[in-house]
Amino acid sequence: CRRVFDRDPGKARTALTAIEQSART
């Protein structure tokens, strides 16, 4: 997410969603 945050916000958002799910699990 840190690497693609500026170039591709959509992929960064997807990665953050995955991080949220993984954290809850």
PDB file of all heavy atoms in Angstrom:
ATOM      1  N   CYS A   1       0.834  -1.207   0.000  1.00  0.00           N
ATOM      2  CA  CYS A   1       0.000   0.000   0.000  1.00  0.00           C
ATOM      3  C   CYS A   1       0.864   1.251   0.000  1.00  0.00           C
ATOM      4  O   CYS A   1       0.593   2.226  -0.707  1.00  0.00           O
ATOM      5  CB  CYS A   1      -0.932  -0.029   1.206  1.00  0.00           C
ATOM      6  SG  CYS A   1      -1.988   1.430   1.357  1.00  0.00           S
ATOM      7  N   ARG A   2       1.918   1.221   0.780  1.00  0.00           N
ATOM      8  CA  ARG A   2       2.815   2.385   0.838  1.00  0.00           C
ATOM      9  C   ARG A   2       3.467   2.645  -0.509  1.00  0.00           C
ATOM     10  O   ARG A   2       3.629   3.792  -0.926  1.00  0.00           O
ATOM     11  CB  ARG A   2       3.881   2.155   1.906  1.00  0.00           C
ATOM     12  CG  ARG A   2       4.917   3.268   2.025  1.00  0.00           C
ATOM     13  CD  ARG A   2       5.885   2.968   3.144  1.00  0.00           C
ATOM     14  NE  ARG A   2       6.556   1.689   2.960  1.00  0.00           N
ATOM     15  CZ  ARG A   2       7.604   1.506   2.147  1.00  0.00           C
ATOM     16  NH1 ARG A   2       8.070   2.513   1.427  1.00  0.00           N
ATOM     17  NH2 ARG A   2       8.170   0.321   2.059  1.00  0.00           N
ATOM     18  N   ARG A   3       3.807   1.573  -1.228  1.00  0.00           N
ATOM     19  CA  ARG A   3       4.484   1.726  -2.510  1.00  0.00           C
ATOM     20  C   ARG A   3       3.557   2.263  -3.603  1.00  0.00           C
ATOM     21  O   ARG A   3       3.998   2.996  -4.491  1.00  0.00           O
ATOM     22  CB  ARG A   3       5.080   0.390  -2.944  1.00  0.00           C
ATOM     23  CG  ARG A   3       6.225  -0.086  -2.052  1.00  0.00           C
ATOM     24  CD  ARG A   3       6.679  -1.482  -2.473  1.00  0.00           C
ATOM     25  NE  ARG A   3       7.711  -1.973  -1.565  1.00  0.00           N
ATOM     26  CZ  ARG A   3       9.026  -1.750  -1.745  1.00  0.00           C
ATOM     27  NH1 ARG A   3       9.427  -1.040  -2.782  1.00  0.00           N
ATOM     28  NH2 ARG A   3       9.901  -2.230  -0.882  1.00  0.00           N
ATOM     29  N   VAL A   4       2.261   1.850  -3.572  1.00  0.00           N
ATOM     30  CA  VAL A   4       1.363   2.256  -4.669  1.00  0.00           C
ATOM     31  C   VAL A   4       0.386   3.346  -4.232  1.00  0.00           C
ATOM     32  O   VAL A   4      -0.529   3.676  -4.982  1.00  0.00           O
ATOM     33  CB  VAL A   4       0.583   1.023  -5.168  1.00  0.00           C
ATOM     34  CG1 VAL A   4       1.539  -0.049  -5.654  1.00  0.00           C
ATOM     35  CG2 VAL A   4      -0.340   0.468  -4.088  1.00  0.00           C
ATOM     36  N   PHE A   5       0.562   3.869  -3.043  1.00  0.00           N
ATOM     37  CA  PHE A   5      -0.422   4.824  -2.512  1.00  0.00           C
ATOM     38  C   PHE A   5      -0.571   6.047  -3.411  1.00  0.00           C
ATOM     39  O   PHE A   5      -1.680   6.506  -3.680  1.00  0.00           O
ATOM     40  CB  PHE A   5       0.000   5.242  -1.098  1.00  0.00           C
ATOM     41  CG  PHE A   5      -1.035   6.088  -0.406  1.00  0.00           C
ATOM     42  CD1 PHE A   5      -2.141   5.501   0.194  1.00  0.00           C
ATOM     43  CD2 PHE A   5      -0.931   7.481  -0.385  1.00  0.00           C
ATOM     44  CE1 PHE A   5      -3.097   6.288   0.818  1.00  0.00           C
ATOM     45  CE2 PHE A   5      -1.898   8.246   0.240  1.00  0.00           C
ATOM     46  CZ  PHE A   5      -2.979   7.655   0.849  1.00  0.00           C
ATOM     47  N   ASP A   6       0.573   6.583  -3.899  1.00  0.00           N
ATOM     48  CA  ASP A   6       0.505   7.794  -4.725  1.00  0.00           C
ATOM     49  C   ASP A   6       0.174   7.469  -6.172  1.00  0.00           C
ATOM     50  O   ASP A   6      -0.527   8.235  -6.841  1.00  0.00           O
ATOM     51  CB  ASP A   6       1.851   8.539  -4.667  1.00  0.00           C
ATOM     52  CG  ASP A   6       2.133   9.075  -3.264  1.00  0.00           C
ATOM     53  OD1 ASP A   6       1.162   9.436  -2.571  1.00  0.00           O
ATOM     54  OD2 ASP A   6       3.320   9.107  -2.853  1.00  0.00           O
ATOM     55  N   ARG A   7       0.640   6.313  -6.707  1.00  0.00           N
ATOM     56  CA  ARG A   7       0.441   6.008  -8.114  1.00  0.00           C
ATOM     57  C   ARG A   7      -0.935   5.415  -8.404  1.00  0.00           C
ATOM     58  O   ARG A   7      -1.513   5.680  -9.446  1.00  0.00           O
ATOM     59  CB  ARG A   7       1.524   5.011  -8.592  1.00  0.00           C
ATOM     60  CG  ARG A   7       2.942   5.544  -8.437  1.00  0.00           C
ATOM     61  CD  ARG A   7       3.937   4.680  -9.234  1.00  0.00           C
ATOM     62  NE  ARG A   7       3.838   3.267  -8.896  1.00  0.00           N
ATOM     63  CZ  ARG A   7       4.536   2.704  -7.925  1.00  0.00           C
ATOM     64  NH1 ARG A   7       5.357   3.424  -7.181  1.00  0.00           N
ATOM     65  NH2 ARG A   7       4.404   1.410  -7.684  1.00  0.00           N
ATOM     66  N   ASP A   8      -1.451   4.580  -7.495  1.00  0.00           N
ATOM     67  CA  ASP A   8      -2.709   3.876  -7.773  1.00  0.00           C
ATOM     68  C   ASP A   8      -3.550   3.833  -6.495  1.00  0.00           C
ATOM     69  O   ASP A   8      -3.519   2.861  -5.744  1.00  0.00           O
ATOM     70  CB  ASP A   8      -2.410   2.464  -8.272  1.00  0.00           C
ATOM     71  CG  ASP A   8      -3.652   1.803  -8.876  1.00  0.00           C
ATOM     72  OD1 ASP A   8      -4.770   2.282  -8.597  1.00  0.00           O
ATOM     73  OD2 ASP A   8      -3.498   0.803  -9.604  1.00  0.00           O
ATOM     74  N   PRO A   9      -4.335   4.894  -6.201  1.00  0.00           N
ATOM     75  CA  PRO A   9      -5.140   4.914  -4.960  1.00  0.00           C
ATOM     76  C   PRO A   9      -6.132   3.743  -4.881  1.00  0.00           C
ATOM     77  O   PRO A   9      -6.455   3.263  -3.799  1.00  0.00           O
ATOM     78  CB  PRO A   9      -5.865   6.254  -5.040  1.00  0.00           C
ATOM     79  CG  PRO A   9      -5.018   7.093  -5.949  1.00  0.00           C
ATOM     80  CD  PRO A   9      -4.435   6.149  -6.959  1.00  0.00           C
ATOM     81  N   GLY A  10      -6.616   3.241  -6.040  1.00  0.00           N
ATOM     82  CA  GLY A  10      -7.566   2.132  -6.002  1.00  0.00           C
ATOM     83  C   GLY A  10      -6.939   0.873  -5.416  1.00  0.00           C
ATOM     84  O   GLY A  10      -7.528   0.191  -4.559  1.00  0.00           O
ATOM     85  N   LYS A  11      -5.747   0.538  -5.876  1.00  0.00           N
ATOM     86  CA  LYS A  11      -5.064  -0.641  -5.341  1.00  0.00           C
ATOM     87  C   LYS A  11      -4.687  -0.438  -3.876  1.00  0.00           C
ATOM     88  O   LYS A  11      -4.739  -1.368  -3.067  1.00  0.00           O
ATOM     89  CB  LYS A  11      -3.819  -0.947  -6.162  1.00  0.00           C
ATOM     90  CG  LYS A  11      -4.136  -1.475  -7.559  1.00  0.00           C
ATOM     91  CD  LYS A  11      -2.858  -1.876  -8.279  1.00  0.00           C
ATOM     92  CE  LYS A  11      -3.197  -2.468  -9.650  1.00  0.00           C
ATOM     93  NZ  LYS A  11      -1.972  -2.877 -10.388  1.00  0.00           N
ATOM     94  N   ALA A  12      -4.333   0.815  -3.562  1.00  0.00           N
ATOM     95  CA  ALA A  12      -4.014   1.090  -2.154  1.00  0.00           C
ATOM     96  C   ALA A  12      -5.237   0.896  -1.274  1.00  0.00           C
ATOM     97  O   ALA A  12      -5.162   0.347  -0.165  1.00  0.00           O
ATOM     98  CB  ALA A  12      -3.472   2.513  -2.006  1.00  0.00           C
ATOM     99  N   ARG A  13      -6.391   1.329  -1.765  1.00  0.00           N
ATOM    100  CA  ARG A  13      -7.626   1.160  -0.996  1.00  0.00           C
ATOM    101  C   ARG A  13      -7.944  -0.327  -0.818  1.00  0.00           C
ATOM    102  O   ARG A  13      -8.369  -0.773   0.244  1.00  0.00           O
ATOM    103  CB  ARG A  13      -8.777   1.875  -1.714  1.00  0.00           C
ATOM    104  CG  ARG A  13     -10.075   1.885  -0.902  1.00  0.00           C
ATOM    105  CD  ARG A  13     -11.180   2.631  -1.641  1.00  0.00           C
ATOM    106  NE  ARG A  13     -10.804   4.021  -1.887  1.00  0.00           N
ATOM    107  CZ  ARG A  13     -10.471   4.501  -3.080  1.00  0.00           C
ATOM    108  NH1 ARG A  13     -10.467   3.698  -4.138  1.00  0.00           N
ATOM    109  NH2 ARG A  13     -10.140   5.776  -3.226  1.00  0.00           N
ATOM    110  N   THR A  14      -7.737  -1.105  -1.881  1.00  0.00           N
ATOM    111  CA  THR A  14      -7.962  -2.551  -1.780  1.00  0.00           C
ATOM    112  C   THR A  14      -7.032  -3.182  -0.750  1.00  0.00           C
ATOM    113  O   THR A  14      -7.435  -4.052   0.046  1.00  0.00           O
ATOM    114  CB  THR A  14      -7.752  -3.211  -3.142  1.00  0.00           C
ATOM    115  OG1 THR A  14      -8.652  -2.629  -4.088  1.00  0.00           O
ATOM    116  CG2 THR A  14      -7.995  -4.720  -3.056  1.00  0.00           C
ATOM    117  N   ALA A  15      -5.763  -2.757  -0.765  1.00  0.00           N
ATOM    118  CA  ALA A  15      -4.811  -3.294   0.203  1.00  0.00           C
ATOM    119  C   ALA A  15      -5.196  -2.923   1.628  1.00  0.00           C
ATOM    120  O   ALA A  15      -5.089  -3.732   2.561  1.00  0.00           O
ATOM    121  CB  ALA A  15      -3.395  -2.786  -0.112  1.00  0.00           C
ATOM    122  N   LEU A  16      -5.672  -1.701   1.846  1.00  0.00           N
ATOM    123  CA  LEU A  16      -6.091  -1.290   3.183  1.00  0.00           C
ATOM    124  C   LEU A  16      -7.300  -2.105   3.658  1.00  0.00           C
ATOM    125  O   LEU A  16      -7.411  -2.457   4.843  1.00  0.00           O
ATOM    126  CB  LEU A  16      -6.433   0.205   3.188  1.00  0.00           C
ATOM    127  CG  LEU A  16      -5.234   1.161   3.045  1.00  0.00           C
ATOM    128  CD1 LEU A  16      -5.710   2.607   2.905  1.00  0.00           C
ATOM    129  CD2 LEU A  16      -4.313   1.031   4.251  1.00  0.00           C
ATOM    130  N   THR A  17      -8.224  -2.411   2.705  1.00  0.00           N
ATOM    131  CA  THR A  17      -9.374  -3.246   3.071  1.00  0.00           C
ATOM    132  C   THR A  17      -8.910  -4.639   3.505  1.00  0.00           C
ATOM    133  O   THR A  17      -9.410  -5.205   4.484  1.00  0.00           O
ATOM    134  CB  THR A  17     -10.337  -3.369   1.885  1.00  0.00           C
ATOM    135  OG1 THR A  17     -10.785  -2.053   1.504  1.00  0.00           O
ATOM    136  CG2 THR A  17     -11.538  -4.229   2.249  1.00  0.00           C
ATOM    137  N   ALA A  18      -7.949  -5.175   2.760  1.00  0.00           N
ATOM    138  CA  ALA A  18      -7.414  -6.492   3.129  1.00  0.00           C
ATOM    139  C   ALA A  18      -6.718  -6.450   4.479  1.00  0.00           C
ATOM    140  O   ALA A  18      -6.803  -7.392   5.280  1.00  0.00           O
ATOM    141  CB  ALA A  18      -6.454  -6.985   2.044  1.00  0.00           C
ATOM    142  N   ILE A  19      -6.007  -5.335   4.738  1.00  0.00           N
ATOM    143  CA  ILE A  19      -5.353  -5.186   6.040  1.00  0.00           C
ATOM    144  C   ILE A  19      -6.386  -5.165   7.156  1.00  0.00           C
ATOM    145  O   ILE A  19      -6.220  -5.794   8.214  1.00  0.00           O
ATOM    146  CB  ILE A  19      -4.497  -3.912   6.066  1.00  0.00           C
ATOM    147  CG1 ILE A  19      -3.284  -4.065   5.133  1.00  0.00           C
ATOM    148  CG2 ILE A  19      -4.032  -3.589   7.486  1.00  0.00           C
ATOM    149  CD1 ILE A  19      -2.483  -2.798   4.984  1.00  0.00           C
ATOM    150  N   GLU A  20      -7.502  -4.446   6.930  1.00  0.00           N
ATOM    151  CA  GLU A  20      -8.559  -4.374   7.938  1.00  0.00           C
ATOM    152  C   GLU A  20      -9.140  -5.760   8.228  1.00  0.00           C
ATOM    153  O   GLU A  20      -9.321  -6.157   9.388  1.00  0.00           O
ATOM    154  CB  GLU A  20      -9.653  -3.432   7.458  1.00  0.00           C
ATOM    155  CG  GLU A  20     -10.818  -3.309   8.442  1.00  0.00           C
ATOM    156  CD  GLU A  20     -11.935  -2.434   7.895  1.00  0.00           C
ATOM    157  OE1 GLU A  20     -11.832  -1.994   6.728  1.00  0.00           O
ATOM    158  OE2 GLU A  20     -12.905  -2.200   8.632  1.00  0.00           O
ATOM    159  N   GLN A  21      -9.429  -6.526   7.167  1.00  0.00           N
ATOM    160  CA  GLN A  21      -9.976  -7.868   7.361  1.00  0.00           C
ATOM    161  C   GLN A  21      -8.980  -8.785   8.065  1.00  0.00           C
ATOM    162  O   GLN A  21      -9.343  -9.547   8.972  1.00  0.00           O
ATOM    163  CB  GLN A  21     -10.377  -8.459   6.004  1.00  0.00           C
ATOM    164  CG  GLN A  21     -11.544  -7.736   5.336  1.00  0.00           C
ATOM    165  CD  GLN A  21     -11.868  -8.305   3.965  1.00  0.00           C
ATOM    166  OE1 GLN A  21     -11.147  -9.163   3.465  1.00  0.00           O
ATOM    167  NE2 GLN A  21     -12.954  -7.817   3.365  1.00  0.00           N
ATOM    168  N   SER A  22      -7.720  -8.697   7.653  1.00  0.00           N
ATOM    169  CA  SER A  22      -6.705  -9.540   8.293  1.00  0.00           C
ATOM    170  C   SER A  22      -6.538  -9.174   9.757  1.00  0.00           C
ATOM    171  O   SER A  22      -6.345 -10.047  10.615  1.00  0.00           O
ATOM    172  CB  SER A  22      -5.362  -9.397   7.560  1.00  0.00           C
ATOM    173  OG  SER A  22      -5.460  -9.883   6.246  1.00  0.00           O
ATOM    174  N   ALA A  23      -6.610  -7.889  10.082  1.00  0.00           N
ATOM    175  CA  ALA A  23      -6.469  -7.468  11.474  1.00  0.00           C
ATOM    176  C   ALA A  23      -7.610  -8.010  12.325  1.00  0.00           C
ATOM    177  O   ALA A  23      -7.398  -8.495  13.441  1.00  0.00           O
ATOM    178  CB  ALA A  23      -6.412  -5.943  11.552  1.00  0.00           C
ATOM    179  N   ARG A  24      -8.823  -7.932  11.801  1.00  0.00           N
ATOM    180  CA  ARG A  24      -9.969  -8.446  12.552  1.00  0.00           C
ATOM    181  C   ARG A  24      -9.837  -9.969  12.760  1.00  0.00           C
ATOM    182  O   ARG A  24     -10.106 -10.480  13.856  1.00  0.00           O
ATOM    183  CB  ARG A  24     -11.257  -8.126  11.809  1.00  0.00           C
ATOM    184  CG  ARG A  24     -11.612  -6.644  11.836  1.00  0.00           C
ATOM    185  CD  ARG A  24     -12.849  -6.368  11.001  1.00  0.00           C
ATOM    186  NE  ARG A  24     -13.216  -4.946  11.057  1.00  0.00           N
ATOM    187  CZ  ARG A  24     -14.197  -4.415  10.344  1.00  0.00           C
ATOM    188  NH1 ARG A  24     -14.903  -5.184   9.512  1.00  0.00           N
ATOM    189  NH2 ARG A  24     -14.461  -3.131  10.436  1.00  0.00           N
ATOM    190  N   THR A  25      -9.448 -10.649  11.680  1.00  0.00           N
ATOM    191  CA  THR A  25      -9.273 -12.097  11.817  1.00  0.00           C
ATOM    192  C   THR A  25      -8.181 -12.423  12.819  1.00  0.00           C
ATOM    193  O   THR A  25      -8.317 -13.337  13.651  1.00  0.00           O
ATOM    194  CB  THR A  25      -8.929 -12.714  10.456  1.00  0.00           C
ATOM    195  OG1 THR A  25      -9.966 -12.399   9.524  1.00  0.00           O
ATOM    196  CG2 THR A  25      -8.784 -14.230  10.566  1.00  0.00           C
TER     197      THR A  25
END
